[in-house]
Protein backbone atom coordinates (compact mmCIF):
# COMPACT_ATOMS: atom_id res chain seq x y z
CA UNK A 1 0.00 0.00 0.00
CA UNK A 2 1.26 3.43 -0.91
CA UNK A 3 1.90 5.94 1.83
CA UNK A 4 2.66 9.62 1.89
CA UNK A 5 6.27 8.73 2.66
CA UNK A 6 6.55 6.66 -0.53
CA UNK A 7 4.95 9.51 -2.47
CA UNK A 8 7.59 11.92 -1.15
CA UNK A 9 10.37 9.48 -2.05
CA UNK A 10 9.06 8.99 -5.59
CA UNK A 11 8.64 12.74 -6.04
CA UNK A 12 12.21 13.32 -4.91
CA UNK A 13 13.41 10.63 -7.31
CA UNK A 14 11.69 12.36 -10.22
CA UNK A 15 13.21 15.69 -9.24
CA UNK A 16 16.70 14.19 -8.90
CA UNK A 17 16.57 12.41 -12.27
CA UNK A 18 15.19 15.54 -13.97
CA UNK A 19 18.06 17.57 -12.51
CA UNK A 20 20.53 14.93 -13.67
CA UNK A 21 19.04 15.03 -17.18
CA UNK A 22 19.35 18.81 -17.27
CA UNK A 23 22.94 18.53 -16.11
CA UNK A 24 23.87 16.02 -18.84
CA UNK A 25 22.21 18.18 -21.50
CA UNK A 26 24.23 21.14 -20.25
CA UNK A 27 27.45 19.10 -20.35
CA UNK A 28 26.72 17.98 -23.93
CA UNK A 29 26.31 21.60 -25.01
CA UNK A 30 29.49 22.67 -23.25
CA UNK A 31 31.55 19.75 -24.61
CA UNK A 32 30.21 20.25 -28.15
CA UNK A 33 31.24 23.89 -28.04
CA UNK A 34 34.67 22.91 -26.74
CA UNK A 35 35.10 20.37 -29.56
CA UNK A 36 34.07 22.97 -32.15
CA UNK A 37 36.62 25.44 -30.81
CA UNK A 38 39.30 22.76 -30.89
CA UNK A 39 38.46 21.96 -34.53
CA UNK A 40 38.55 25.63 -35.53
CA UNK A 41 41.91 26.14 -33.86
CA UNK A 42 43.39 23.05 -35.51
CA UNK A 43 44.07 21.17 -32.28
CA UNK A 44 46.14 18.01 -32.09
CA UNK A 45 44.20 15.08 -33.60
CA UNK A 46 44.67 12.96 -30.49
CA UNK A 47 43.30 15.72 -28.28
CA UNK A 48 40.38 16.24 -30.64
CA UNK A 49 39.64 12.50 -30.70
CA UNK A 50 39.65 12.43 -26.88
CA UNK A 51 37.27 15.40 -26.75
CA UNK A 52 34.93 13.71 -29.21
CA UNK A 53 34.96 10.57 -27.03
CA UNK A 54 34.00 12.68 -23.99
CA UNK A 55 31.19 14.25 -26.03
CA UNK A 56 29.95 10.85 -27.22
CA UNK A 57 29.85 9.48 -23.67
CA UNK A 58 27.88 12.50 -22.49
CA UNK A 59 25.44 12.15 -25.39
CA UNK A 60 24.86 8.49 -24.49
CA UNK A 61 23.71 9.46 -21.01
CA UNK A 62 20.86 11.72 -22.20
CA UNK A 63 18.60 8.92 -23.59
CA UNK A 64 19.35 6.81 -20.50
CA UNK A 65 18.23 9.66 -18.25
CA UNK A 66 15.08 10.12 -20.36
CA UNK A 67 14.21 6.44 -19.85
CA UNK A 68 14.84 6.63 -16.11
CA UNK A 69 12.77 9.82 -15.84
CA UNK A 70 9.89 8.25 -17.76
CA UNK A 71 9.99 5.22 -15.45
CA UNK A 72 10.15 7.39 -12.34
CA UNK A 73 7.21 9.52 -13.49
CA UNK A 74 5.15 6.42 -14.30
CA UNK A 75 5.93 5.03 -10.85
CA UNK A 76 4.96 8.34 -9.25
CA UNK A 77 1.67 8.41 -11.19
CA UNK A 78 0.86 4.85 -10.10
CA UNK A 79 1.58 5.69 -6.47
CA UNK A 80 -0.52 8.84 -6.68
CA UNK A 81 -3.41 6.91 -8.26
CA UNK A 82 -3.19 4.34 -5.47
CA UNK A 83 -3.30 7.05 -2.82
CA UNK A 84 -6.32 8.70 -4.45
CA UNK A 85 -8.44 5.55 -4.10
C-alpha atoms as a PDB file:
ATOM      1  CA  UNK A   1       0.000   0.000   0.000  1.00  0.00           C
ATOM      2  CA  UNK A   2       1.256   3.432  -0.915  1.00  0.00           C
ATOM      3  CA  UNK A   3       1.900   5.938   1.831  1.00  0.00           C
ATOM      4  CA  UNK A   4       2.664   9.620   1.889  1.00  0.00           C
ATOM      5  CA  UNK A   5       6.269   8.729   2.656  1.00  0.00           C
ATOM      6  CA  UNK A   6       6.553   6.659  -0.526  1.00  0.00           C
ATOM      7  CA  UNK A   7       4.946   9.508  -2.469  1.00  0.00           C
ATOM      8  CA  UNK A   8       7.589  11.922  -1.155  1.00  0.00           C
ATOM      9  CA  UNK A   9      10.367   9.478  -2.048  1.00  0.00           C
ATOM     10  CA  UNK A  10       9.065   8.989  -5.585  1.00  0.00           C
ATOM     11  CA  UNK A  11       8.639  12.741  -6.045  1.00  0.00           C
ATOM     12  CA  UNK A  12      12.213  13.321  -4.905  1.00  0.00           C
ATOM     13  CA  UNK A  13      13.406  10.627  -7.308  1.00  0.00           C
ATOM     14  CA  UNK A  14      11.687  12.364 -10.217  1.00  0.00           C
ATOM     15  CA  UNK A  15      13.207  15.691  -9.244  1.00  0.00           C
ATOM     16  CA  UNK A  16      16.699  14.188  -8.898  1.00  0.00           C
ATOM     17  CA  UNK A  17      16.568  12.407 -12.266  1.00  0.00           C
ATOM     18  CA  UNK A  18      15.195  15.545 -13.973  1.00  0.00           C
ATOM     19  CA  UNK A  19      18.064  17.566 -12.512  1.00  0.00           C
ATOM     20  CA  UNK A  20      20.528  14.928 -13.669  1.00  0.00           C
ATOM     21  CA  UNK A  21      19.044  15.025 -17.182  1.00  0.00           C
ATOM     22  CA  UNK A  22      19.352  18.811 -17.269  1.00  0.00           C
ATOM     23  CA  UNK A  23      22.936  18.533 -16.111  1.00  0.00           C
ATOM     24  CA  UNK A  24      23.866  16.020 -18.836  1.00  0.00           C
ATOM     25  CA  UNK A  25      22.214  18.179 -21.497  1.00  0.00           C
ATOM     26  CA  UNK A  26      24.226  21.143 -20.251  1.00  0.00           C
ATOM     27  CA  UNK A  27      27.449  19.096 -20.353  1.00  0.00           C
ATOM     28  CA  UNK A  28      26.716  17.980 -23.929  1.00  0.00           C
ATOM     29  CA  UNK A  29      26.309  21.595 -25.010  1.00  0.00           C
ATOM     30  CA  UNK A  30      29.487  22.668 -23.252  1.00  0.00           C
ATOM     31  CA  UNK A  31      31.551  19.753 -24.606  1.00  0.00           C
ATOM     32  CA  UNK A  32      30.212  20.246 -28.153  1.00  0.00           C
ATOM     33  CA  UNK A  33      31.244  23.893 -28.035  1.00  0.00           C
ATOM     34  CA  UNK A  34      34.673  22.913 -26.739  1.00  0.00           C
ATOM     35  CA  UNK A  35      35.101  20.374 -29.565  1.00  0.00           C
ATOM     36  CA  UNK A  36      34.073  22.970 -32.149  1.00  0.00           C
ATOM     37  CA  UNK A  37      36.623  25.443 -30.808  1.00  0.00           C
ATOM     38  CA  UNK A  38      39.304  22.760 -30.888  1.00  0.00           C
ATOM     39  CA  UNK A  39      38.458  21.960 -34.532  1.00  0.00           C
ATOM     40  CA  UNK A  40      38.550  25.629 -35.528  1.00  0.00           C
ATOM     41  CA  UNK A  41      41.911  26.141 -33.863  1.00  0.00           C
ATOM     42  CA  UNK A  42      43.394  23.055 -35.508  1.00  0.00           C
ATOM     43  CA  UNK A  43      44.068  21.172 -32.275  1.00  0.00           C
ATOM     44  CA  UNK A  44      46.136  18.009 -32.088  1.00  0.00           C
ATOM     45  CA  UNK A  45      44.205  15.085 -33.603  1.00  0.00           C
ATOM     46  CA  UNK A  46      44.673  12.958 -30.488  1.00  0.00           C
ATOM     47  CA  UNK A  47      43.299  15.716 -28.281  1.00  0.00           C
ATOM     48  CA  UNK A  48      40.376  16.239 -30.644  1.00  0.00           C
ATOM     49  CA  UNK A  49      39.642  12.500 -30.699  1.00  0.00           C
ATOM     50  CA  UNK A  50      39.647  12.426 -26.880  1.00  0.00           C
ATOM     51  CA  UNK A  51      37.273  15.404 -26.753  1.00  0.00           C
ATOM     52  CA  UNK A  52      34.929  13.710 -29.210  1.00  0.00           C
ATOM     53  CA  UNK A  53      34.957  10.574 -27.028  1.00  0.00           C
ATOM     54  CA  UNK A  54      33.997  12.684 -23.994  1.00  0.00           C
ATOM     55  CA  UNK A  55      31.191  14.253 -26.026  1.00  0.00           C
ATOM     56  CA  UNK A  56      29.948  10.847 -27.224  1.00  0.00           C
ATOM     57  CA  UNK A  57      29.847   9.482 -23.667  1.00  0.00           C
ATOM     58  CA  UNK A  58      27.879  12.500 -22.486  1.00  0.00           C
ATOM     59  CA  UNK A  59      25.442  12.150 -25.388  1.00  0.00           C
ATOM     60  CA  UNK A  60      24.857   8.490 -24.489  1.00  0.00           C
ATOM     61  CA  UNK A  61      23.706   9.459 -21.005  1.00  0.00           C
ATOM     62  CA  UNK A  62      20.862  11.721 -22.200  1.00  0.00           C
ATOM     63  CA  UNK A  63      18.602   8.924 -23.588  1.00  0.00           C
ATOM     64  CA  UNK A  64      19.346   6.809 -20.501  1.00  0.00           C
ATOM     65  CA  UNK A  65      18.228   9.663 -18.251  1.00  0.00           C
ATOM     66  CA  UNK A  66      15.079  10.122 -20.365  1.00  0.00           C
ATOM     67  CA  UNK A  67      14.212   6.438 -19.854  1.00  0.00           C
ATOM     68  CA  UNK A  68      14.841   6.629 -16.112  1.00  0.00           C
ATOM     69  CA  UNK A  69      12.774   9.823 -15.841  1.00  0.00           C
ATOM     70  CA  UNK A  70       9.887   8.248 -17.759  1.00  0.00           C
ATOM     71  CA  UNK A  71       9.990   5.216 -15.454  1.00  0.00           C
ATOM     72  CA  UNK A  72      10.148   7.393 -12.337  1.00  0.00           C
ATOM     73  CA  UNK A  73       7.210   9.522 -13.494  1.00  0.00           C
ATOM     74  CA  UNK A  74       5.153   6.418 -14.296  1.00  0.00           C
ATOM     75  CA  UNK A  75       5.932   5.027 -10.853  1.00  0.00           C
ATOM     76  CA  UNK A  76       4.956   8.335  -9.253  1.00  0.00           C
ATOM     77  CA  UNK A  77       1.669   8.407 -11.186  1.00  0.00           C
ATOM     78  CA  UNK A  78       0.858   4.846 -10.102  1.00  0.00           C
ATOM     79  CA  UNK A  79       1.577   5.689  -6.475  1.00  0.00           C
ATOM     80  CA  UNK A  80      -0.520   8.843  -6.676  1.00  0.00           C
ATOM     81  CA  UNK A  81      -3.406   6.911  -8.264  1.00  0.00           C
ATOM     82  CA  UNK A  82      -3.186   4.337  -5.473  1.00  0.00           C
ATOM     83  CA  UNK A  83      -3.298   7.047  -2.819  1.00  0.00           C
ATOM     84  CA  UNK A  84      -6.323   8.701  -4.450  1.00  0.00           C
ATOM     85  CA  UNK A  85      -8.437   5.555  -4.101  1.00  0.00           C
END
